[in-house]
């Protein structure tokens, strides 16, 4: 069954950053854990998680609260990352970040 949405979806927003560094550290650890458990632990997973956390932290310091905008920034900036040693891509990583953030907000 095809469902047609006629109203735009409301954005999902995070509260303003109180400590963007702590948020970045949490995301780095959570993402690396997700990457390591999704397939197999790889050395490159820590590089991916650190880079994503840097992008996320910078965006939060700039005042970004919209989850969609955060994910787009991560997706676009991770396009320049060398994923050749990984099972993942920038799309898989951005989707994982989305899942982690929504879970953190209590949205299943």
N, C-alpha and C. Protein backbone atom coordinates (compact mmCIF):
# COMPACT_ATOMS: atom_id res chain seq x y z
N UNK A 1 0.85 -1.17 0.00
CA UNK A 1 0.00 0.00 0.00
C UNK A 1 0.89 1.23 0.00
N UNK A 2 0.65 2.13 -0.89
CA UNK A 2 1.39 3.37 -1.01
C UNK A 2 0.74 4.43 -0.13
N UNK A 3 1.53 5.05 0.72
CA UNK A 3 1.04 6.11 1.58
C UNK A 3 1.59 7.42 1.05
N UNK A 4 0.72 8.36 0.79
CA UNK A 4 1.13 9.66 0.29
C UNK A 4 1.07 10.65 1.45
N UNK A 5 2.18 11.29 1.70
CA UNK A 5 2.26 12.29 2.76
C UNK A 5 2.08 13.65 2.11
N UNK A 6 1.04 14.35 2.52
CA UNK A 6 0.76 15.65 1.93
C UNK A 6 1.28 16.80 2.78
N UNK A 7 1.55 16.53 4.03
CA UNK A 7 2.08 17.55 4.92
C UNK A 7 3.57 17.31 5.12
N UNK A 8 4.36 18.36 5.16
CA UNK A 8 5.79 18.15 5.40
C UNK A 8 6.01 17.59 6.80
N UNK A 9 7.03 16.76 6.92
CA UNK A 9 7.37 16.21 8.22
C UNK A 9 8.02 17.28 9.08
N UNK A 10 7.68 17.29 10.33
CA UNK A 10 8.30 18.25 11.25
C UNK A 10 9.76 17.87 11.45
N UNK A 11 10.63 18.86 11.51
CA UNK A 11 12.04 18.53 11.72
C UNK A 11 12.25 17.95 13.12
N UNK A 12 13.22 17.10 13.23
CA UNK A 12 13.62 16.57 14.54
C UNK A 12 14.81 17.40 14.98
N UNK A 13 14.69 17.99 16.14
CA UNK A 13 15.74 18.87 16.61
C UNK A 13 16.31 18.40 17.94
N UNK A 14 17.57 18.71 18.13
CA UNK A 14 18.25 18.46 19.39
C UNK A 14 18.14 19.72 20.23
N UNK A 15 18.21 19.58 21.54
CA UNK A 15 18.28 20.79 22.35
C UNK A 15 19.58 21.53 22.03
N UNK A 16 19.62 22.82 22.28
CA UNK A 16 20.88 23.54 22.04
C UNK A 16 22.03 22.86 22.79
N UNK A 17 23.20 22.90 22.20
CA UNK A 17 24.36 22.24 22.79
C UNK A 17 24.76 22.92 24.09
N UNK A 18 24.86 22.13 25.14
CA UNK A 18 25.39 22.62 26.41
C UNK A 18 26.88 22.37 26.48
N UNK A 19 27.32 21.25 25.91
CA UNK A 19 28.73 20.87 25.89
C UNK A 19 28.97 20.07 24.61
N UNK A 20 29.27 20.79 23.54
CA UNK A 20 29.45 20.16 22.23
C UNK A 20 30.60 19.16 22.24
N UNK A 21 31.61 19.41 23.04
CA UNK A 21 32.74 18.49 23.12
C UNK A 21 32.30 17.15 23.70
N UNK A 22 31.53 17.21 24.78
CA UNK A 22 31.03 15.96 25.40
C UNK A 22 30.11 15.23 24.44
N UNK A 23 29.27 15.96 23.71
CA UNK A 23 28.39 15.33 22.72
C UNK A 23 29.22 14.64 21.65
N UNK A 24 30.27 15.32 21.18
CA UNK A 24 31.14 14.73 20.16
C UNK A 24 31.83 13.48 20.67
N UNK A 25 32.27 13.51 21.93
CA UNK A 25 32.91 12.34 22.51
C UNK A 25 31.93 11.18 22.62
N UNK A 26 30.70 11.48 23.02
CA UNK A 26 29.68 10.44 23.10
C UNK A 26 29.43 9.84 21.71
N UNK A 27 29.26 10.72 20.71
CA UNK A 27 28.99 10.23 19.37
C UNK A 27 30.15 9.40 18.83
N UNK A 28 31.37 9.83 19.09
CA UNK A 28 32.54 9.09 18.63
C UNK A 28 32.52 7.67 19.21
N UNK A 29 32.31 7.56 20.50
CA UNK A 29 32.30 6.23 21.15
C UNK A 29 31.12 5.39 20.67
N UNK A 30 29.93 6.00 20.59
CA UNK A 30 28.74 5.27 20.17
C UNK A 30 28.85 4.80 18.72
N UNK A 31 29.36 5.66 17.86
CA UNK A 31 29.49 5.30 16.45
C UNK A 31 30.54 4.21 16.26
N UNK A 32 31.68 4.34 16.94
CA UNK A 32 32.69 3.29 16.81
C UNK A 32 32.15 1.95 17.30
N UNK A 33 31.41 1.96 18.38
CA UNK A 33 30.79 0.73 18.88
C UNK A 33 29.84 0.16 17.83
N UNK A 34 29.03 1.02 17.24
CA UNK A 34 28.08 0.57 16.21
C UNK A 34 28.84 -0.02 15.02
N UNK A 35 29.86 0.70 14.54
CA UNK A 35 30.65 0.22 13.39
C UNK A 35 31.30 -1.12 13.70
N UNK A 36 31.88 -1.24 14.90
CA UNK A 36 32.58 -2.48 15.27
C UNK A 36 31.63 -3.67 15.39
N UNK A 37 30.40 -3.41 15.77
CA UNK A 37 29.46 -4.52 15.97
C UNK A 37 28.59 -4.81 14.74
N UNK A 38 28.56 -3.87 13.80
CA UNK A 38 27.75 -4.09 12.60
C UNK A 38 28.39 -5.14 11.69
N UNK A 39 29.70 -5.11 11.54
CA UNK A 39 30.42 -6.12 10.78
C UNK A 39 31.51 -6.68 11.68
N UNK A 40 32.74 -6.26 11.45
CA UNK A 40 33.85 -6.68 12.31
C UNK A 40 34.64 -5.44 12.72
N UNK A 41 35.27 -5.49 13.88
CA UNK A 41 36.10 -4.34 14.28
C UNK A 41 37.24 -4.15 13.27
N UNK A 42 37.41 -2.93 12.84
CA UNK A 42 38.49 -2.58 11.92
C UNK A 42 39.16 -1.32 12.44
N UNK A 43 40.45 -1.18 12.20
CA UNK A 43 41.19 0.01 12.65
C UNK A 43 40.58 1.29 12.08
N UNK A 44 40.10 1.23 10.85
CA UNK A 44 39.56 2.42 10.20
C UNK A 44 38.28 2.93 10.90
N UNK A 45 37.60 2.06 11.64
CA UNK A 45 36.37 2.48 12.32
C UNK A 45 36.62 3.63 13.29
N UNK A 46 37.76 3.60 13.97
CA UNK A 46 38.05 4.70 14.90
C UNK A 46 38.31 6.00 14.13
N UNK A 47 38.93 5.90 12.96
CA UNK A 47 39.16 7.09 12.13
C UNK A 47 37.83 7.67 11.66
N UNK A 48 36.93 6.79 11.24
CA UNK A 48 35.60 7.23 10.79
C UNK A 48 34.87 7.91 11.94
N UNK A 49 34.85 7.27 13.09
CA UNK A 49 34.11 7.81 14.24
C UNK A 49 34.69 9.15 14.68
N UNK A 50 36.01 9.26 14.70
CA UNK A 50 36.63 10.54 15.10
C UNK A 50 36.29 11.66 14.12
N UNK A 51 36.35 11.35 12.82
CA UNK A 51 36.05 12.38 11.81
C UNK A 51 34.59 12.81 11.90
N UNK A 52 33.69 11.87 12.04
CA UNK A 52 32.27 12.21 12.17
C UNK A 52 32.05 13.06 13.42
N UNK A 53 32.67 12.70 14.51
CA UNK A 53 32.52 13.46 15.76
C UNK A 53 33.03 14.89 15.59
N UNK A 54 34.12 15.07 14.85
CA UNK A 54 34.63 16.42 14.60
C UNK A 54 33.63 17.26 13.82
N UNK A 55 33.06 16.66 12.79
CA UNK A 55 32.06 17.37 11.97
C UNK A 55 30.86 17.72 12.83
N UNK A 56 30.36 16.74 13.57
CA UNK A 56 29.19 16.93 14.42
C UNK A 56 29.46 18.03 15.45
N UNK A 57 30.60 17.95 16.12
CA UNK A 57 30.92 18.93 17.16
C UNK A 57 30.99 20.35 16.57
N UNK A 58 31.64 20.48 15.43
CA UNK A 58 31.73 21.80 14.79
C UNK A 58 30.35 22.34 14.45
N UNK A 59 29.49 21.48 13.90
CA UNK A 59 28.13 21.90 13.56
C UNK A 59 27.36 22.35 14.80
N UNK A 60 27.51 21.59 15.87
CA UNK A 60 26.82 21.94 17.12
C UNK A 60 27.34 23.25 17.70
N UNK A 61 28.65 23.48 17.61
CA UNK A 61 29.23 24.74 18.09
C UNK A 61 28.74 25.92 17.27
N UNK A 62 28.41 25.66 16.00
CA UNK A 62 27.87 26.70 15.14
C UNK A 62 26.38 26.92 15.37
N UNK A 63 25.79 26.15 16.28
CA UNK A 63 24.40 26.36 16.65
C UNK A 63 23.40 25.44 15.97
N UNK A 64 23.87 24.46 15.21
CA UNK A 64 22.95 23.56 14.51
C UNK A 64 22.23 22.64 15.49
N UNK A 65 20.91 22.56 15.35
CA UNK A 65 20.10 21.67 16.18
C UNK A 65 19.26 20.70 15.35
N UNK A 66 19.09 20.97 14.07
CA UNK A 66 18.26 20.14 13.21
C UNK A 66 19.01 18.86 12.85
N UNK A 67 18.44 17.71 13.19
CA UNK A 67 19.10 16.43 12.93
C UNK A 67 19.33 16.23 11.43
N UNK A 68 18.38 16.60 10.61
CA UNK A 68 18.55 16.45 9.17
C UNK A 68 19.72 17.26 8.64
N UNK A 69 19.87 18.48 9.12
CA UNK A 69 20.99 19.32 8.70
C UNK A 69 22.32 18.76 9.18
N UNK A 70 22.33 18.23 10.40
CA UNK A 70 23.55 17.60 10.92
C UNK A 70 23.96 16.41 10.05
N UNK A 71 22.97 15.60 9.69
CA UNK A 71 23.26 14.42 8.88
C UNK A 71 23.74 14.80 7.48
N UNK A 72 23.15 15.83 6.92
CA UNK A 72 23.57 16.29 5.60
C UNK A 72 25.01 16.79 5.65
N UNK A 73 25.37 17.53 6.70
CA UNK A 73 26.75 18.00 6.84
C UNK A 73 27.71 16.82 6.95
N UNK A 74 27.34 15.82 7.76
CA UNK A 74 28.19 14.64 7.90
C UNK A 74 28.32 13.91 6.57
N UNK A 75 27.21 13.71 5.89
CA UNK A 75 27.22 13.02 4.60
C UNK A 75 28.12 13.75 3.59
N UNK A 76 27.94 15.05 3.47
CA UNK A 76 28.71 15.80 2.49
C UNK A 76 30.20 15.84 2.82
N UNK A 77 30.52 16.05 4.09
CA UNK A 77 31.94 16.12 4.45
C UNK A 77 32.62 14.76 4.43
N UNK A 78 31.87 13.71 4.70
CA UNK A 78 32.46 12.37 4.68
C UNK A 78 32.65 11.85 3.25
N UNK A 79 32.12 12.54 2.27
CA UNK A 79 32.35 12.13 0.88
C UNK A 79 33.83 12.18 0.54
N UNK A 80 34.59 13.03 1.25
CA UNK A 80 36.02 13.14 1.01
C UNK A 80 36.85 12.14 1.79
N UNK A 81 36.20 11.34 2.62
CA UNK A 81 36.91 10.36 3.43
C UNK A 81 37.19 9.12 2.59
N UNK A 82 38.35 8.51 2.79
CA UNK A 82 38.72 7.30 2.05
C UNK A 82 38.12 6.08 2.74
N UNK A 83 37.04 5.57 2.19
CA UNK A 83 36.36 4.40 2.74
C UNK A 83 36.87 3.09 2.12
N UNK A 84 37.96 3.13 1.39
CA UNK A 84 38.43 1.93 0.68
C UNK A 84 38.84 0.80 1.63
N UNK A 85 39.17 1.11 2.86
CA UNK A 85 39.56 0.08 3.83
C UNK A 85 38.41 -0.29 4.76
N UNK A 86 37.19 0.08 4.38
CA UNK A 86 36.03 -0.11 5.25
C UNK A 86 34.90 -0.82 4.51
N UNK A 87 34.04 -1.45 5.28
CA UNK A 87 32.82 -2.03 4.72
C UNK A 87 31.76 -0.95 4.52
N UNK A 88 31.97 0.23 5.07
CA UNK A 88 30.95 1.27 5.13
C UNK A 88 31.17 2.34 4.08
N UNK A 89 30.16 3.19 3.94
CA UNK A 89 30.22 4.36 3.06
C UNK A 89 29.71 5.55 3.86
N UNK A 90 29.81 6.72 3.27
CA UNK A 90 29.30 7.91 3.95
C UNK A 90 27.80 7.80 4.21
N UNK A 91 27.08 7.10 3.35
CA UNK A 91 25.63 6.94 3.54
C UNK A 91 25.33 6.04 4.73
N UNK A 92 26.05 4.94 4.85
CA UNK A 92 25.85 4.04 5.99
C UNK A 92 26.20 4.73 7.29
N UNK A 93 27.26 5.52 7.27
CA UNK A 93 27.68 6.23 8.48
C UNK A 93 26.64 7.28 8.87
N UNK A 94 26.17 8.05 7.91
CA UNK A 94 25.15 9.07 8.22
C UNK A 94 23.88 8.42 8.75
N UNK A 95 23.48 7.30 8.17
CA UNK A 95 22.30 6.59 8.67
C UNK A 95 22.52 6.08 10.09
N UNK A 96 23.72 5.60 10.38
CA UNK A 96 24.03 5.14 11.73
C UNK A 96 23.96 6.29 12.72
N UNK A 97 24.49 7.43 12.35
CA UNK A 97 24.43 8.61 13.22
C UNK A 97 22.98 8.99 13.49
N UNK A 98 22.16 8.95 12.45
CA UNK A 98 20.75 9.24 12.62
C UNK A 98 20.11 8.31 13.64
N UNK A 99 20.38 7.03 13.49
CA UNK A 99 19.83 6.03 14.42
C UNK A 99 20.30 6.30 15.84
N UNK A 100 21.57 6.60 16.01
CA UNK A 100 22.12 6.87 17.34
C UNK A 100 21.51 8.12 17.97
N UNK A 101 21.38 9.19 17.17
CA UNK A 101 20.79 10.42 17.70
C UNK A 101 19.33 10.25 18.06
N UNK A 102 18.58 9.55 17.21
CA UNK A 102 17.17 9.33 17.51
C UNK A 102 17.00 8.48 18.77
N UNK A 103 17.83 7.47 18.89
CA UNK A 103 17.79 6.63 20.10
C UNK A 103 18.11 7.49 21.34
N UNK A 104 19.09 8.38 21.21
CA UNK A 104 19.47 9.25 22.32
C UNK A 104 18.31 10.18 22.71
N UNK A 105 17.51 10.56 21.72
CA UNK A 105 16.34 11.42 21.97
C UNK A 105 15.14 10.62 22.47
N UNK A 106 15.25 9.29 22.50
CA UNK A 106 14.15 8.45 22.93
C UNK A 106 13.14 8.17 21.84
N UNK A 107 13.55 8.35 20.60
CA UNK A 107 12.67 8.07 19.45
C UNK A 107 13.09 6.74 18.87
N UNK A 108 12.20 5.73 18.92
CA UNK A 108 12.57 4.40 18.42
C UNK A 108 12.71 4.35 16.91
